[in-house]
PDB file of N, CA and C in Angstrom:
ATOM      1  N   MET A   1     -15.362  -4.751  16.957  1.00  0.00           N
ATOM      2  CA  MET A   1     -14.677  -3.762  17.737  1.00  0.00           C
ATOM      3  C   MET A   1     -13.241  -3.630  17.333  1.00  0.00           C
ATOM      4  N   LEU A   2     -12.732  -2.438  17.123  1.00  0.00           N
ATOM      5  CA  LEU A   2     -11.318  -2.258  16.786  1.00  0.00           C
ATOM      6  C   LEU A   2     -10.432  -2.246  17.933  1.00  0.00           C
ATOM      7  N   PRO A   3      -9.291  -2.870  17.808  1.00  0.00           N
ATOM      8  CA  PRO A   3      -8.357  -2.947  18.949  1.00  0.00           C
ATOM      9  C   PRO A   3      -7.547  -1.681  19.176  1.00  0.00           C
ATOM     10  N   GLY A   4      -7.591  -1.183  20.350  1.00  0.00           N
ATOM     11  CA  GLY A   4      -6.691  -0.165  20.753  1.00  0.00           C
ATOM     12  C   GLY A   4      -6.720   1.215  20.082  1.00  0.00           C
ATOM     13  N   GLN A   5      -5.581   1.913  20.238  1.00  0.00           N
ATOM     14  CA  GLN A   5      -5.512   3.234  19.691  1.00  0.00           C
ATOM     15  C   GLN A   5      -5.350   3.168  18.163  1.00  0.00           C
ATOM     16  N   LEU A   6      -5.983   4.075  17.423  1.00  0.00           N
ATOM     17  CA  LEU A   6      -6.015   4.136  16.033  1.00  0.00           C
ATOM     18  C   LEU A   6      -4.937   5.139  15.456  1.00  0.00           C
ATOM     19  N   PHE A   7      -4.491   4.751  14.323  1.00  0.00           N
ATOM     20  CA  PHE A   7      -3.725   5.747  13.483  1.00  0.00           C
ATOM     21  C   PHE A   7      -4.555   5.872  12.177  1.00  0.00           C
ATOM     22  N   ASN A   8      -4.671   7.114  11.698  1.00  0.00           N
ATOM     23  CA  ASN A   8      -5.324   7.281  10.437  1.00  0.00           C
ATOM     24  C   ASN A   8      -4.599   8.400   9.629  1.00  0.00           C
ATOM     25  N   ASP A   9      -4.797   8.341   8.343  1.00  0.00           N
ATOM     26  CA  ASP A   9      -4.206   9.381   7.496  1.00  0.00           C
ATOM     27  C   ASP A   9      -5.086  10.703   7.709  1.00  0.00           C
ATOM     28  N   TYR A  10      -4.512  11.779   7.274  1.00  0.00           N
ATOM     29  CA  TYR A  10      -5.098  13.108   7.411  1.00  0.00           C
ATOM     30  C   TYR A  10      -6.485  13.150   6.851  1.00  0.00           C
ATOM     31  N   ASN A  11      -6.692  12.601   5.637  1.00  0.00           N
ATOM     32  CA  ASN A  11      -7.960  12.680   4.935  1.00  0.00           C
ATOM     33  C   ASN A  11      -9.091  11.842   5.606  1.00  0.00           C
ATOM     34  N   SER A  12      -8.780  10.791   6.268  1.00  0.00           N
ATOM     35  CA  SER A  12      -9.861   9.972   6.885  1.00  0.00           C
ATOM     36  C   SER A  12     -10.196  10.400   8.330  1.00  0.00           C
ATOM     37  N   GLY A  13      -9.473  11.230   8.871  1.00  0.00           N
ATOM     38  CA  GLY A  13      -9.638  11.626  10.317  1.00  0.00           C
ATOM     39  C   GLY A  13     -11.083  12.121  10.675  1.00  0.00           C
ATOM     40  N   GLY A  14     -11.538  13.042   9.846  1.00  0.00           N
ATOM     41  CA  GLY A  14     -12.849  13.629  10.126  1.00  0.00           C
ATOM     42  C   GLY A  14     -13.937  12.555   9.995  1.00  0.00           C
ATOM     43  N   TYR A  15     -13.837  11.755   8.907  1.00  0.00           N
ATOM     44  CA  TYR A  15     -14.742  10.660   8.718  1.00  0.00           C
ATOM     45  C   TYR A  15     -14.782   9.676   9.862  1.00  0.00           C
ATOM     46  N   LEU A  16     -13.644   9.365  10.418  1.00  0.00           N
ATOM     47  CA  LEU A  16     -13.515   8.462  11.543  1.00  0.00           C
ATOM     48  C   LEU A  16     -14.165   9.056  12.789  1.00  0.00           C
ATOM     49  N   THR A  17     -13.892  10.273  12.992  1.00  0.00           N
ATOM     50  CA  THR A  17     -14.480  10.977  14.137  1.00  0.00           C
ATOM     51  C   THR A  17     -15.988  10.947  14.083  1.00  0.00           C
ATOM     52  N   LEU A  18     -16.507  11.184  12.968  1.00  0.00           N
ATOM     53  CA  LEU A  18     -18.025  11.132  12.789  1.00  0.00           C
ATOM     54  C   LEU A  18     -18.545   9.724  12.920  1.00  0.00           C
ATOM     55  N   ARG A  19     -17.922   8.739  12.374  1.00  0.00           N
ATOM     56  CA  ARG A  19     -18.452   7.382  12.379  1.00  0.00           C
ATOM     57  C   ARG A  19     -18.144   6.643  13.666  1.00  0.00           C
ATOM     58  N   LEU A  20     -16.976   6.833  14.254  1.00  0.00           N
ATOM     59  CA  LEU A  20     -16.603   6.036  15.459  1.00  0.00           C
ATOM     60  C   LEU A  20     -16.814   6.747  16.756  1.00  0.00           C
ATOM     61  N   GLY A  21     -16.923   8.023  16.754  1.00  0.00           N
ATOM     62  CA  GLY A  21     -17.181   8.833  17.954  1.00  0.00           C
ATOM     63  C   GLY A  21     -15.994   8.843  18.891  1.00  0.00           C
ATOM     64  N   PRO A  22     -16.245   9.355  20.106  1.00  0.00           N
ATOM     65  CA  PRO A  22     -15.155   9.608  21.031  1.00  0.00           C
ATOM     66  C   PRO A  22     -14.441   8.338  21.654  1.00  0.00           C
ATOM     67  N   LYS A  23     -15.079   7.228  21.417  1.00  0.00           N
ATOM     68  CA  LYS A  23     -14.400   5.981  21.926  1.00  0.00           C
ATOM     69  C   LYS A  23     -13.096   5.725  21.185  1.00  0.00           C
ATOM     70  N   TYR A  24     -13.018   6.130  19.948  1.00  0.00           N
ATOM     71  CA  TYR A  24     -11.854   6.007  19.107  1.00  0.00           C
ATOM     72  C   TYR A  24     -11.413   7.305  18.561  1.00  0.00           C
ATOM     73  N   PRO A  25     -10.614   8.111  19.347  1.00  0.00           N
ATOM     74  CA  PRO A  25     -10.175   9.431  18.818  1.00  0.00           C
ATOM     75  C   PRO A  25      -9.227   9.211  17.631  1.00  0.00           C
ATOM     76  N   ASP A  26      -9.319  10.051  16.649  1.00  0.00           N
ATOM     77  CA  ASP A  26      -8.425   9.976  15.468  1.00  0.00           C
ATOM     78  C   ASP A  26      -7.019  10.515  15.898  1.00  0.00           C
ATOM     79  N   PHE A  27      -6.065  10.105  15.079  1.00  0.00           N
ATOM     80  CA  PHE A  27      -4.691  10.525  15.341  1.00  0.00           C
ATOM     81  C   PHE A  27      -4.545  12.046  15.057  1.00  0.00           C
ATOM     82  N   ALA A  28      -5.077  12.464  13.889  1.00  0.00           N
ATOM     83  CA  ALA A  28      -5.092  13.890  13.530  1.00  0.00           C
ATOM     84  C   ALA A  28      -5.998  13.985  12.320  1.00  0.00           C
ATOM     85  N   ASP A  29      -6.582  15.147  12.140  1.00  0.00           N
ATOM     86  CA  ASP A  29      -7.433  15.297  10.935  1.00  0.00           C
ATOM     87  C   ASP A  29      -7.399  16.736  10.495  1.00  0.00           C
ATOM     88  N   GLY A  30      -8.181  17.078   9.489  1.00  0.00           N
ATOM     89  CA  GLY A  30      -8.149  18.389   8.823  1.00  0.00           C
ATOM     90  C   GLY A  30      -8.696  19.507   9.650  1.00  0.00           C
ATOM     91  N   ALA A  31      -9.079  19.265  10.863  1.00  0.00           N
ATOM     92  CA  ALA A  31      -9.665  20.346  11.702  1.00  0.00           C
ATOM     93  C   ALA A  31      -8.614  21.412  12.104  1.00  0.00           C
ATOM     94  N   GLY A  32      -7.398  20.990  11.969  1.00  0.00           N
ATOM     95  CA  GLY A  32      -6.309  21.891  12.376  1.00  0.00           C
ATOM     96  C   GLY A  32      -6.123  21.939  13.833  1.00  0.00           C
ATOM     97  N   PHE A  33      -6.865  22.812  14.602  1.00  0.00           N
ATOM     98  CA  PHE A  33      -6.847  22.861  16.009  1.00  0.00           C
ATOM     99  C   PHE A  33      -7.585  21.579  16.525  1.00  0.00           C
ATOM    100  N   PRO A  34      -7.186  20.873  17.407  1.00  0.00           N
ATOM    101  CA  PRO A  34      -6.074  21.064  18.352  1.00  0.00           C
ATOM    102  C   PRO A  34      -4.766  20.360  17.954  1.00  0.00           C
ATOM    103  N   PHE A  35      -4.579  19.984  16.719  1.00  0.00           N
ATOM    104  CA  PHE A  35      -3.381  19.227  16.375  1.00  0.00           C
ATOM    105  C   PHE A  35      -2.223  20.162  15.967  1.00  0.00           C
ATOM    106  N   PRO A  36      -1.137  20.001  16.712  1.00  0.00           N
ATOM    107  CA  PRO A  36       0.049  20.818  16.431  1.00  0.00           C
ATOM    108  C   PRO A  36       0.718  20.410  15.125  1.00  0.00           C
ATOM    109  N   LEU A  37       1.443  21.345  14.504  1.00  0.00           N
ATOM    110  CA  LEU A  37       2.121  21.109  13.269  1.00  0.00           C
ATOM    111  C   LEU A  37       3.065  19.866  13.372  1.00  0.00           C
ATOM    112  N   GLU A  38       3.736  19.747  14.459  1.00  0.00           N
ATOM    113  CA  GLU A  38       4.628  18.577  14.619  1.00  0.00           C
ATOM    114  C   GLU A  38       3.910  17.245  14.441  1.00  0.00           C
ATOM    115  N   LEU A  39       2.778  17.169  15.022  1.00  0.00           N
ATOM    116  CA  LEU A  39       1.976  15.917  14.952  1.00  0.00           C
ATOM    117  C   LEU A  39       1.474  15.665  13.491  1.00  0.00           C
ATOM    118  N   LEU A  40       1.074  16.703  12.800  1.00  0.00           N
ATOM    119  CA  LEU A  40       0.685  16.597  11.441  1.00  0.00           C
ATOM    120  C   LEU A  40       1.786  16.127  10.564  1.00  0.00           C
ATOM    121  N   MET A  41       3.001  16.680  10.795  1.00  0.00           N
ATOM    122  CA  MET A  41       4.191  16.350  10.041  1.00  0.00           C
ATOM    123  C   MET A  41       4.587  14.860  10.321  1.00  0.00           C
ATOM    124  N   LYS A  42       4.424  14.434  11.535  1.00  0.00           N
ATOM    125  CA  LYS A  42       4.736  13.006  11.962  1.00  0.00           C
ATOM    126  C   LYS A  42       3.709  12.080  11.249  1.00  0.00           C
ATOM    127  N   GLN A  43       2.457  12.483  11.218  1.00  0.00           N
ATOM    128  CA  GLN A  43       1.405  11.726  10.536  1.00  0.00           C
ATOM    129  C   GLN A  43       1.768  11.532   9.085  1.00  0.00           C
ATOM    130  N   SER A  44       2.216  12.584   8.428  1.00  0.00           N
ATOM    131  CA  SER A  44       2.536  12.519   7.068  1.00  0.00           C
ATOM    132  C   SER A  44       3.774  11.565   6.784  1.00  0.00           C
ATOM    133  N   ALA A  45       4.728  11.704   7.672  1.00  0.00           N
ATOM    134  CA  ALA A  45       5.944  10.796   7.483  1.00  0.00           C
ATOM    135  C   ALA A  45       5.528   9.364   7.734  1.00  0.00           C
ATOM    136  N   LEU A  46       4.646   9.044   8.697  1.00  0.00           N
ATOM    137  CA  LEU A  46       4.224   7.680   8.885  1.00  0.00           C
ATOM    138  C   LEU A  46       3.487   7.110   7.726  1.00  0.00           C
ATOM    139  N   VAL A  47       2.623   7.946   7.121  1.00  0.00           N
ATOM    140  CA  VAL A  47       1.866   7.497   5.939  1.00  0.00           C
ATOM    141  C   VAL A  47       2.797   7.104   4.784  1.00  0.00           C
ATOM    142  N   GLU A  48       3.885   7.773   4.757  1.00  0.00           N
ATOM    143  CA  GLU A  48       4.875   7.533   3.655  1.00  0.00           C
ATOM    144  C   GLU A  48       5.832   6.377   3.986  1.00  0.00           C
ATOM    145  N   SER A  49       5.793   5.871   5.253  1.00  0.00           N
ATOM    146  CA  SER A  49       6.710   4.788   5.646  1.00  0.00           C
ATOM    147  C   SER A  49       6.059   3.489   5.665  1.00  0.00           C
ATOM    148  N   PRO A  50       6.790   2.332   5.461  1.00  0.00           N
ATOM    149  CA  PRO A  50       6.185   1.045   5.543  1.00  0.00           C
ATOM    150  C   PRO A  50       5.834   0.760   7.065  1.00  0.00           C
ATOM    151  N   PRO A  51       4.765   0.072   7.284  1.00  0.00           N
ATOM    152  CA  PRO A  51       4.345  -0.242   8.683  1.00  0.00           C
ATOM    153  C   PRO A  51       5.373  -1.034   9.456  1.00  0.00           C
ATOM    154  N   ASP A  52       6.344  -1.727   8.846  1.00  0.00           N
ATOM    155  CA  ASP A  52       7.316  -2.497   9.588  1.00  0.00           C
ATOM    156  C   ASP A  52       8.616  -1.684   9.747  1.00  0.00           C
ATOM    157  N   SER A  53       8.570  -0.454   9.487  1.00  0.00           N
ATOM    158  CA  SER A  53       9.838   0.338   9.587  1.00  0.00           C
ATOM    159  C   SER A  53      10.095   0.787  11.057  1.00  0.00           C
ATOM    160  N   ALA A  54      11.313   1.200  11.341  1.00  0.00           N
ATOM    161  CA  ALA A  54      11.761   1.585  12.653  1.00  0.00           C
ATOM    162  C   ALA A  54      10.924   2.784  13.146  1.00  0.00           C
ATOM    163  N   VAL A  55      10.619   3.744  12.292  1.00  0.00           N
ATOM    164  CA  VAL A  55       9.852   4.916  12.688  1.00  0.00           C
ATOM    165  C   VAL A  55       8.406   4.516  13.097  1.00  0.00           C
ATOM    166  N   TRP A  56       7.838   3.522  12.386  1.00  0.00           N
ATOM    167  CA  TRP A  56       6.515   3.033  12.751  1.00  0.00           C
ATOM    168  C   TRP A  56       6.540   2.337  14.160  1.00  0.00           C
ATOM    169  N   THR A  57       7.528   1.514  14.331  1.00  0.00           N
ATOM    170  CA  THR A  57       7.626   0.757  15.616  1.00  0.00           C
ATOM    171  C   THR A  57       7.794   1.749  16.708  1.00  0.00           C
ATOM    172  N   GLU A  58       8.630   2.780  16.591  1.00  0.00           N
ATOM    173  CA  GLU A  58       8.804   3.820  17.649  1.00  0.00           C
ATOM    174  C   GLU A  58       7.488   4.552  17.950  1.00  0.00           C
ATOM    175  N   GLU A  59       6.833   4.952  16.997  1.00  0.00           N
ATOM    176  CA  GLU A  59       5.598   5.738  17.164  1.00  0.00           C
ATOM    177  C   GLU A  59       4.436   4.866  17.615  1.00  0.00           C
ATOM    178  N   ALA A  60       4.398   3.679  17.104  1.00  0.00           N
ATOM    179  CA  ALA A  60       3.338   2.749  17.577  1.00  0.00           C
ATOM    180  C   ALA A  60       3.506   2.445  19.039  1.00  0.00           C
ATOM    181  N   ASP A  61       4.784   2.262  19.530  1.00  0.00           N
ATOM    182  CA  ASP A  61       5.021   2.122  20.949  1.00  0.00           C
ATOM    183  C   ASP A  61       4.734   3.316  21.714  1.00  0.00           C
ATOM    184  N   ARG A  62       5.125   4.492  21.202  1.00  0.00           N
ATOM    185  CA  ARG A  62       4.893   5.783  21.901  1.00  0.00           C
ATOM    186  C   ARG A  62       3.450   6.082  22.119  1.00  0.00           C
ATOM    187  N   TYR A  63       2.630   5.913  21.086  1.00  0.00           N
ATOM    188  CA  TYR A  63       1.211   6.240  21.079  1.00  0.00           C
ATOM    189  C   TYR A  63       0.277   5.091  21.379  1.00  0.00           C
ATOM    190  N   GLY A  64       0.800   3.822  21.521  1.00  0.00           N
ATOM    191  CA  GLY A  64      -0.052   2.704  21.701  1.00  0.00           C
ATOM    192  C   GLY A  64      -0.816   2.310  20.472  1.00  0.00           C
ATOM    193  N   ILE A  65      -0.331   2.595  19.270  1.00  0.00           N
ATOM    194  CA  ILE A  65      -1.076   2.284  18.005  1.00  0.00           C
ATOM    195  C   ILE A  65      -0.988   0.835  17.693  1.00  0.00           C
ATOM    196  N   ASN A  66      -2.182   0.205  17.456  1.00  0.00           N
ATOM    197  CA  ASN A  66      -2.184  -1.096  16.927  1.00  0.00           C
ATOM    198  C   ASN A  66      -3.256  -1.297  15.879  1.00  0.00           C
ATOM    199  N   THR A  67      -3.900  -0.258  15.441  1.00  0.00           N
ATOM    200  CA  THR A  67      -4.829  -0.290  14.280  1.00  0.00           C
ATOM    201  C   THR A  67      -4.471   0.913  13.375  1.00  0.00           C
ATOM    202  N   ILE A  68      -4.305   0.596  12.064  1.00  0.00           N
ATOM    203  CA  ILE A  68      -3.966   1.647  11.127  1.00  0.00           C
ATOM    204  C   ILE A  68      -5.120   1.633  10.061  1.00  0.00           C
ATOM    205  N   ILE A  69      -5.641   2.794   9.872  1.00  0.00           N
ATOM    206  CA  ILE A  69      -6.726   2.942   8.912  1.00  0.00           C
ATOM    207  C   ILE A  69      -6.319   4.051   7.885  1.00  0.00           C
ATOM    208  N   LEU A  70      -6.226   3.627   6.649  1.00  0.00           N
ATOM    209  CA  LEU A  70      -5.827   4.531   5.544  1.00  0.00           C
ATOM    210  C   LEU A  70      -6.843   4.490   4.431  1.00  0.00           C
ATOM    211  N   SER A  71      -6.926   5.603   3.776  1.00  0.00           N
ATOM    212  CA  SER A  71      -7.798   5.711   2.562  1.00  0.00           C
ATOM    213  C   SER A  71      -7.131   4.969   1.397  1.00  0.00           C
ATOM    214  N   LEU A  72      -7.857   4.095   0.766  1.00  0.00           N
ATOM    215  CA  LEU A  72      -7.249   3.397  -0.359  1.00  0.00           C
ATOM    216  C   LEU A  72      -6.986   4.365  -1.570  1.00  0.00           C
ATOM    217  N   ALA A  73      -7.626   5.546  -1.574  1.00  0.00           N
ATOM    218  CA  ALA A  73      -7.429   6.499  -2.643  1.00  0.00           C
ATOM    219  C   ALA A  73      -6.014   6.970  -2.711  1.00  0.00           C
ATOM    220  N   ARG A  74      -5.275   6.793  -1.647  1.00  0.00           N
ATOM    221  CA  ARG A  74      -3.831   7.239  -1.616  1.00  0.00           C
ATOM    222  C   ARG A  74      -2.940   6.257  -2.258  1.00  0.00           C
ATOM    223  N   ILE A  75      -3.500   5.035  -2.541  1.00  0.00           N
ATOM    224  CA  ILE A  75      -2.582   3.983  -3.104  1.00  0.00           C
ATOM    225  C   ILE A  75      -3.040   3.722  -4.530  1.00  0.00           C
ATOM    226  N   GLY A  76      -2.227   4.220  -5.456  1.00  0.00           N
ATOM    227  CA  GLY A  76      -2.481   3.959  -6.884  1.00  0.00           C
ATOM    228  C   GLY A  76      -3.749   4.322  -7.482  1.00  0.00           C
ATOM    229  N   GLY A  77      -4.386   5.342  -6.902  1.00  0.00           N
ATOM    230  CA  GLY A  77      -5.608   5.840  -7.565  1.00  0.00           C
ATOM    231  C   GLY A  77      -6.804   4.882  -7.347  1.00  0.00           C
ATOM    232  N   LEU A  78      -6.815   4.022  -6.401  1.00  0.00           N
ATOM    233  CA  LEU A  78      -8.009   3.137  -6.143  1.00  0.00           C
ATOM    234  C   LEU A  78      -9.171   4.031  -5.715  1.00  0.00           C
ATOM    235  N   ASN A  79     -10.321   3.371  -5.509  1.00  0.00           N
ATOM    236  CA  ASN A  79     -11.496   4.045  -5.048  1.00  0.00           C
ATOM    237  C   ASN A  79     -11.343   4.510  -3.639  1.00  0.00           C
ATOM    238  N   THR A  80     -12.381   5.172  -3.057  1.00  0.00           N
ATOM    239  CA  THR A  80     -12.285   5.810  -1.754  1.00  0.00           C
ATOM    240  C   THR A  80     -12.683   4.947  -0.621  1.00  0.00           C
ATOM    241  N   SER A  81     -12.792   3.606  -0.851  1.00  0.00           N
ATOM    242  CA  SER A  81     -13.115   2.716   0.256  1.00  0.00           C
ATOM    243  C   SER A  81     -12.043   2.819   1.373  1.00  0.00           C
ATOM    244  N   ARG A  82     -12.392   2.400   2.523  1.00  0.00           N
ATOM    245  CA  ARG A  82     -11.468   2.347   3.661  1.00  0.00           C
ATOM    246  C   ARG A  82     -10.945   0.947   3.878  1.00  0.00           C
ATOM    247  N   SER A  83      -9.707   0.886   4.437  1.00  0.00           N
ATOM    248  CA  SER A  83      -9.167  -0.392   4.795  1.00  0.00           C
ATOM    249  C   SER A  83      -8.455  -0.306   6.056  1.00  0.00           C
ATOM    250  N   ALA A  84      -8.462  -1.465   6.792  1.00  0.00           N
ATOM    251  CA  ALA A  84      -7.702  -1.457   8.137  1.00  0.00           C
ATOM    252  C   ALA A  84      -6.640  -2.513   8.059  1.00  0.00           C
ATOM    253  N   VAL A  85      -5.535  -2.146   8.720  1.00  0.00           N
ATOM    254  CA  VAL A  85      -4.393  -3.141   8.877  1.00  0.00           C
ATOM    255  C   VAL A  85      -4.169  -3.171  10.376  1.00  0.00           C
ATOM    256  N   LEU A  86      -4.102  -4.407  10.837  1.00  0.00           N
ATOM    257  CA  LEU A  86      -3.851  -4.601  12.349  1.00  0.00           C
ATOM    258  C   LEU A  86      -2.499  -4.898  12.585  1.00  0.00           C
ATOM    259  N   ARG A  87      -1.850  -4.291  13.613  1.00  0.00           N
ATOM    260  CA  ARG A  87      -0.533  -4.597  14.025  1.00  0.00           C
ATOM    261  C   ARG A  87      -0.576  -5.499  15.150  1.00  0.00           C
ATOM    262  N   GLU A  88       0.030  -6.680  15.087  1.00  0.00           N
ATOM    263  CA  GLU A  88       0.023  -7.623  16.186  1.00  0.00           C
ATOM    264  C   GLU A  88       1.228  -7.530  17.051  1.00  0.00           C
TER     265      GLU A  88
END
């Protein structure tokens, strides 16, 4: 079982919604609606920032995020497997 609120990158949101269901809502995904542009821009900024940065601390506290799920394909051209990083 995954702890708490999830953060995911844009590309993995739809997959997570399908696989995890409503118990773990995604942060934002490619569906567009109901995600406002501001949230999508924030998601993009977080993906580009290190998890121990001030922006991450602020947003993790704001949204209660303690599980980060990113596609490995975004990191150096690796395969499309998924990886989870836990924030303690």
